[in-house]
């Protein structure tokens, strides 16, 4: 495989990368941004001054999470797809001492296991069952959790990475989890486009490093020869789709090889790497309703930058 050990290549990653780079409009799947290095960089992004979603959502949760106890069955398992570092999870764990278990789900196994180990140390009475899986696909909960009522916690406006039809499908998949009793989900709200662009193109260059790390991952894992200095991070607002888009823009005409295949780039051509849709409250509730969820509660910050929805199955 032209320098790559076939036995060590992630077939799903390879297939997705070759398909995306071979498309008429080049793209890469955003889930592949989150290898160990990418996950660590994203954790740094969440601490940046311009990146308002994380601290705003955390403040909402600290102010309102105790109200969630009124909507949960006793002994429920908190299931968190795309758990990452689990820092916001601690707000819920502190507010809900009656939980029966916590099941974080994440595609980055190394990052997930490290976060799970920290939580086990800090919450020794809470069973923590980590699940290494792509939450966008159907995943099975551990047997120890499967018999408990499940409450899905999906913070960070990760739902914004999906188009409206795909968001509906993901919410329907959450609704189909056996024993599901509720959904707590963070959703970023529409706002001034200039503020949005700043949040996804910080002056310190951390988001740029996060985006470019995907090319470094391709070089490392798929025998790619991307010159990272020949690409630039770009964040743009797409008003028609109500979303921020992240791209990697080619700074010159160039040719790149991945797993023995050649891909040509024009000067200024981009690879579309991520979307972050911004949903108004009523619009998101309509999507959730079409996936089998009924609104139970809504939490907002004073500036109405961000929303946290609580749903029950209907």
Protein backbone atom coordinates (compact mmCIF):
# COMPACT_ATOMS: atom_id res chain seq x y z
CA UNK A 1 0.00 0.00 0.00
CA UNK A 2 2.73 2.39 -0.93
CA UNK A 3 4.35 2.65 2.48
CA UNK A 4 1.31 1.83 4.62
CA UNK A 5 1.08 -1.49 6.40
CA UNK A 6 -2.19 -3.00 5.13
CA UNK A 7 -2.77 -4.77 8.45
CA UNK A 8 -2.59 -1.49 10.37
CA UNK A 9 -4.85 0.58 8.11
CA UNK A 10 -8.31 1.46 9.47
CA UNK A 11 -10.42 0.32 6.54
CA UNK A 12 -13.38 2.59 7.34
CA UNK A 13 -11.10 5.61 7.67
CA UNK A 14 -9.28 4.76 4.45
CA UNK A 15 -12.49 4.22 2.50
CA UNK A 16 -14.00 7.48 3.75
CA UNK A 17 -10.86 9.51 2.99
CA UNK A 18 -10.47 8.13 -0.53
CA UNK A 19 -14.15 8.73 -1.26
CA UNK A 20 -14.07 12.27 0.11
CA UNK A 21 -10.90 13.34 -1.70
CA UNK A 22 -12.19 11.77 -4.90
CA UNK A 23 -15.49 13.66 -4.82
CA UNK A 24 -16.19 16.57 -7.17
CA UNK A 25 -16.30 18.82 -4.09
CA UNK A 26 -13.69 17.38 -1.77
CA UNK A 27 -14.69 16.62 1.81
CA UNK A 28 -13.56 14.67 4.86
CA UNK A 29 -15.87 13.40 7.60
CA UNK A 30 -15.77 15.48 10.77
CA UNK A 31 -15.72 12.42 13.03
CA UNK A 32 -12.21 11.70 11.76
CA UNK A 33 -10.96 14.96 13.28
CA UNK A 34 -11.08 13.29 16.69
CA UNK A 35 -8.08 11.01 16.96
CA UNK A 36 -6.10 11.32 20.20
CA UNK A 37 -4.30 14.48 19.07
CA UNK A 38 -7.45 15.99 17.59
CA UNK A 39 -9.43 15.30 20.77
CA UNK A 40 -6.72 16.98 22.85
CA UNK A 41 -6.73 20.01 20.55
CA UNK A 42 -10.51 20.24 20.76
CA UNK A 43 -10.27 20.27 24.55
CA UNK A 44 -7.99 23.31 24.19
CA UNK A 45 -10.50 24.96 21.82
CA UNK A 46 -13.22 24.72 24.46
CA UNK A 47 -11.10 26.84 26.80
CA UNK A 48 -10.58 29.72 24.33
CA UNK A 49 -12.14 33.12 25.02
CA UNK A 50 -13.82 33.32 21.60
CA UNK A 51 -15.27 29.82 21.83
CA UNK A 52 -18.42 30.63 23.81
CA UNK A 53 -20.40 27.33 23.48
CA UNK A 54 -18.58 25.28 26.10
CA UNK A 55 -18.54 27.78 28.96
CA UNK A 56 -22.08 29.00 28.15
CA UNK A 57 -23.50 25.48 28.15
CA UNK A 58 -21.60 24.63 31.34
CA UNK A 59 -23.11 27.69 33.06
CA UNK A 60 -26.60 26.63 31.92
CA UNK A 61 -26.06 23.13 33.29
CA UNK A 62 -24.73 24.39 36.63
CA UNK A 63 -27.80 26.61 36.99
CA UNK A 64 -30.41 24.04 35.98
CA UNK A 65 -29.12 20.45 36.18
CA UNK A 66 -30.74 19.83 39.57
CA UNK A 67 -34.14 20.25 37.88
CA UNK A 68 -33.36 17.20 35.80
CA UNK A 69 -33.92 14.93 38.80
CA UNK A 70 -37.66 15.62 38.50
CA UNK A 71 -37.68 14.07 35.02
CA UNK A 72 -35.53 10.97 35.61
CA UNK A 73 -36.59 7.52 36.75
CA UNK A 74 -34.64 6.22 39.77
CA UNK A 75 -31.45 4.34 39.02
CA UNK A 76 -31.18 5.63 35.45
CA UNK A 77 -28.02 5.19 33.43
CA UNK A 78 -26.60 8.35 31.89
CA UNK A 79 -25.49 7.51 28.32
CA UNK A 80 -23.26 10.09 26.65
CA UNK A 81 -22.54 9.66 22.93
CA UNK A 82 -19.39 11.53 21.88
CA UNK A 83 -18.33 11.89 25.50
CA UNK A 84 -14.86 13.34 24.92
CA UNK A 85 -13.21 14.51 28.13
CA UNK A 86 -16.46 14.33 30.11
CA UNK A 87 -15.96 17.65 31.89
CA UNK A 88 -19.58 18.81 31.50
CA UNK A 89 -20.69 15.36 32.56
CA UNK A 90 -19.38 16.06 36.04
CA UNK A 91 -21.96 18.82 36.45
CA UNK A 92 -24.74 16.28 35.91
CA UNK A 93 -23.06 13.62 38.04
CA UNK A 94 -22.78 16.07 40.93
CA UNK A 95 -26.40 17.16 40.53
CA UNK A 96 -27.82 13.63 40.14
CA UNK A 97 -26.41 11.39 42.88
CA UNK A 98 -29.13 8.79 42.26
CA UNK A 99 -27.78 7.67 38.88
CA UNK A 100 -27.27 3.94 38.49
CA UNK A 101 -24.39 4.11 36.00
CA UNK A 102 -22.60 6.24 33.44
CA UNK A 103 -21.86 4.97 29.92
CA UNK A 104 -19.66 7.29 27.83
CA UNK A 105 -19.45 6.48 24.11
CA UNK A 106 -16.65 7.82 21.93
CA UNK A 107 -14.78 6.93 18.75
CA UNK A 108 -11.38 7.83 20.24
CA UNK A 109 -10.66 4.86 22.51
CA UNK A 110 -7.48 6.21 24.07
CA UNK A 111 -9.07 9.55 24.96
CA UNK A 112 -12.23 7.83 26.21
CA UNK A 113 -10.46 5.37 28.48
CA UNK A 114 -8.37 8.13 30.06
CA UNK A 115 -11.49 10.21 30.78
CA UNK A 116 -13.34 7.16 32.13
CA UNK A 117 -10.46 6.33 34.46
CA UNK A 118 -10.52 9.86 35.90
CA UNK A 119 -14.28 9.63 36.50
CA UNK A 120 -13.96 6.23 38.19
CA UNK A 121 -11.38 7.70 40.55
CA UNK A 122 -13.51 10.74 41.36
CA UNK A 123 -16.87 8.91 41.57
CA UNK A 124 -15.93 5.53 43.09
CA UNK A 125 -19.56 4.60 43.85
CA UNK A 126 -20.72 5.16 40.26
CA UNK A 127 -20.24 2.30 37.76
CA UNK A 128 -18.60 3.71 34.62
CA UNK A 129 -18.88 1.54 31.50
CA UNK A 130 -16.97 3.04 28.54
CA UNK A 131 -18.06 2.10 25.01
CA UNK A 132 -15.62 2.61 22.12
CA UNK A 133 -17.90 3.15 19.14
CA UNK A 134 -19.01 5.62 16.49
CA UNK A 135 -22.16 7.03 18.04
CA UNK A 136 -23.47 8.00 14.59
CA UNK A 137 -23.88 4.27 13.96
CA UNK A 138 -25.97 1.92 16.04
CA UNK A 139 -24.05 0.86 19.15
CA UNK A 140 -24.83 -1.63 21.90
CA UNK A 141 -24.75 -0.68 25.56
CA UNK A 142 -22.85 -2.95 27.96
CA UNK A 143 -24.93 -5.71 29.53
CA UNK A 144 -24.54 -4.10 32.96
CA UNK A 145 -26.29 -0.98 31.67
CA UNK A 146 -28.77 -2.48 29.23
CA UNK A 147 -31.38 -3.28 31.89
CA UNK A 148 -31.48 0.26 33.29
CA UNK A 149 -33.64 3.13 32.05
CA UNK A 150 -31.37 5.25 29.87
CA UNK A 151 -31.07 9.03 29.69
CA UNK A 152 -29.05 10.24 26.73
CA UNK A 153 -26.80 13.26 27.37
CA UNK A 154 -25.64 14.90 24.14
CA UNK A 155 -24.00 18.25 24.96
CA UNK A 156 -21.73 20.57 23.02
CA UNK A 157 -24.14 21.18 20.12
CA UNK A 158 -22.58 18.15 18.44
CA UNK A 159 -26.00 17.72 16.80
CA UNK A 160 -25.03 20.79 14.76
CA UNK A 161 -22.47 18.70 12.86
CA UNK A 162 -25.38 16.97 11.14
CA UNK A 163 -27.73 18.18 8.41
CA UNK A 164 -31.39 18.42 9.40
CA UNK A 165 -32.27 14.99 7.93
CA UNK A 166 -29.19 13.40 9.52
CA UNK A 167 -29.93 15.10 12.84
CA UNK A 168 -33.43 13.68 12.73
CA UNK A 169 -32.04 10.20 12.01
CA UNK A 170 -29.58 10.45 14.91
CA UNK A 171 -32.30 11.58 17.32
CA UNK A 172 -34.43 8.66 16.11
CA UNK A 173 -31.52 6.30 16.82
CA UNK A 174 -31.28 7.70 20.36
CA UNK A 175 -35.05 7.20 20.69
CA UNK A 176 -34.57 3.55 19.70
CA UNK A 177 -32.11 2.79 22.54
CA UNK A 178 -33.77 0.06 24.64
CA UNK A 179 -35.28 1.50 27.81
CA UNK A 180 -34.61 5.11 26.84
CA UNK A 181 -36.37 7.48 29.22
CA UNK A 182 -35.06 10.91 28.25
CA UNK A 183 -32.72 13.11 26.25
CA UNK A 184 -30.72 16.12 27.43
CA UNK A 185 -29.17 17.89 24.47
CA UNK A 186 -27.19 21.10 23.97
CA UNK A 187 -28.03 23.12 20.86
CA UNK A 188 -26.26 26.26 19.69
CA UNK A 189 -28.57 29.11 18.66
CA UNK A 190 -28.31 31.41 15.60
CA UNK A 191 -26.48 34.68 16.29
CA UNK A 192 -24.22 37.34 14.78
CA UNK A 193 -22.17 35.63 12.02
CA UNK A 194 -19.03 37.58 12.96
CA UNK A 195 -19.16 36.14 16.47
CA UNK A 196 -19.65 32.66 15.03
CA UNK A 197 -16.67 32.95 12.70
CA UNK A 198 -14.44 34.13 15.57
CA UNK A 199 -15.49 31.09 17.59
CA UNK A 200 -14.31 28.75 14.81
CA UNK A 201 -11.19 30.65 13.72
CA UNK A 202 -9.44 31.73 16.90
CA UNK A 203 -6.52 34.12 16.90
CA UNK A 204 -4.26 31.61 18.68
CA UNK A 205 -4.52 29.16 15.81
CA UNK A 206 -5.75 26.23 17.91
CA UNK A 207 -8.75 25.55 15.65
CA UNK A 208 -6.46 25.72 12.62
CA UNK A 209 -4.17 23.13 14.22
CA UNK A 210 -7.22 20.97 14.99
CA UNK A 211 -8.36 21.09 11.37
CA UNK A 212 -4.88 20.56 9.88
CA UNK A 213 -4.30 17.63 12.23
CA UNK A 214 -6.65 15.62 10.04
CA UNK A 215 -4.16 15.91 7.18
CA UNK A 216 -1.35 14.90 9.54
CA UNK A 217 -3.42 11.87 10.53
CA UNK A 218 -3.88 10.91 6.88
CA UNK A 219 -0.12 11.22 6.34
CA UNK A 220 0.58 9.06 9.37
CA UNK A 221 -2.07 6.37 8.97
CA UNK A 222 -2.75 6.26 5.21
CA UNK A 223 0.67 6.92 3.66
CA UNK A 224 -0.35 10.45 2.64
CA UNK A 225 2.07 13.14 1.59
CA UNK A 226 0.07 16.29 2.41
CA UNK A 227 2.24 19.36 2.91
CA UNK A 228 0.45 20.96 5.87
CA UNK A 229 2.05 24.33 5.11
CA UNK A 230 0.32 24.26 1.70
CA UNK A 231 -3.15 24.31 3.29
CA UNK A 232 -4.89 26.91 5.46
CA UNK A 233 -7.79 26.61 7.88
CA UNK A 234 -10.91 28.54 6.87
CA UNK A 235 -14.18 29.11 8.74
CA UNK A 236 -17.11 30.57 6.83
CA UNK A 237 -20.76 31.32 7.57
CA UNK A 238 -23.32 29.75 5.21
CA UNK A 239 -26.46 31.82 5.76
CA UNK A 240 -28.67 29.67 3.52
CA UNK A 241 -27.94 26.57 5.63
CA UNK A 242 -27.59 28.45 8.96
CA UNK A 243 -24.22 26.87 9.63
CA UNK A 244 -20.54 27.51 10.13
CA UNK A 245 -18.40 25.47 7.73
CA UNK A 246 -14.78 24.50 8.30
CA UNK A 247 -12.59 24.02 5.25
CA UNK A 248 -8.94 23.39 4.44
CA UNK A 249 -7.95 25.64 1.54
CA UNK A 250 -5.16 24.73 -0.86
CA UNK A 251 -2.68 27.61 -1.11
CA UNK A 252 -1.41 26.57 -4.54
CA UNK A 253 -1.91 24.05 -7.30
CA UNK A 254 -0.63 20.75 -5.99
CA UNK A 255 -0.86 16.99 -6.21
CA UNK A 256 -1.27 14.75 -3.15
CA UNK A 257 -0.93 10.99 -2.80
CA UNK A 258 -2.88 8.85 -0.31
CA UNK A 259 -2.59 5.05 -0.29
CA UNK A 260 -1.11 5.16 -3.76
CA UNK A 261 -3.92 7.26 -5.27
CA UNK A 262 -3.28 10.74 -6.63
CA UNK A 263 -5.50 13.76 -5.98
CA UNK A 264 -5.07 17.14 -7.72
CA UNK A 265 -5.88 20.46 -6.04
CA UNK A 266 -6.43 23.78 -7.75
CA UNK A 267 -5.16 26.96 -6.12
CA UNK A 268 -7.89 27.95 -3.64
CA UNK A 269 -9.75 24.64 -3.78
CA UNK A 270 -11.00 23.45 -0.40
CA UNK A 271 -11.66 20.27 1.51
CA UNK A 272 -14.89 20.65 3.50
CA UNK A 273 -14.20 19.10 6.92
CA UNK A 274 -17.01 20.09 9.30
CA UNK A 275 -20.41 21.76 9.62
CA UNK A 276 -21.86 23.36 12.73
CA UNK A 277 -25.55 24.12 12.23
CA UNK A 278 -27.29 26.65 14.47
CA UNK A 279 -30.90 25.74 15.28
CA UNK A 280 -33.62 28.06 16.66
CA UNK A 281 -35.59 26.57 19.55
CA UNK A 282 -38.82 25.93 17.65
CA UNK A 283 -36.98 24.59 14.63
CA UNK A 284 -35.05 22.10 16.71
CA UNK A 285 -38.14 21.02 18.63
CA UNK A 286 -39.82 20.24 15.31
CA UNK A 287 -36.89 18.03 14.27
CA UNK A 288 -36.96 16.26 17.63
CA UNK A 289 -40.73 15.72 17.41
CA UNK A 290 -40.31 14.04 14.03
CA UNK A 291 -37.84 11.64 15.70
CA UNK A 292 -40.18 10.66 18.53
CA UNK A 293 -39.30 13.17 21.26
CA UNK A 294 -41.59 15.48 23.23
CA UNK A 295 -40.30 18.68 24.94
CA UNK A 296 -40.17 18.58 28.73
CA UNK A 297 -37.93 21.51 29.70
CA UNK A 298 -35.77 24.21 28.12
CA UNK A 299 -32.79 25.99 29.66
CA UNK A 300 -31.25 29.17 28.20
CA UNK A 301 -28.46 31.55 29.17
CA UNK A 302 -29.30 35.24 29.71
CA UNK A 303 -27.82 36.27 26.33
CA UNK A 304 -29.70 33.49 24.52
CA UNK A 305 -26.50 32.24 22.94
CA UNK A 306 -27.14 28.58 23.65
CA UNK A 307 -29.97 26.21 24.60
CA UNK A 308 -30.24 22.96 26.52
CA UNK A 309 -33.36 20.93 25.75
CA UNK A 310 -34.86 18.16 27.87
CA UNK A 311 -37.05 15.68 25.98
CA UNK A 312 -39.03 12.58 26.84
CA UNK A 313 -40.02 9.86 24.38
CA UNK A 314 -43.53 10.08 22.96
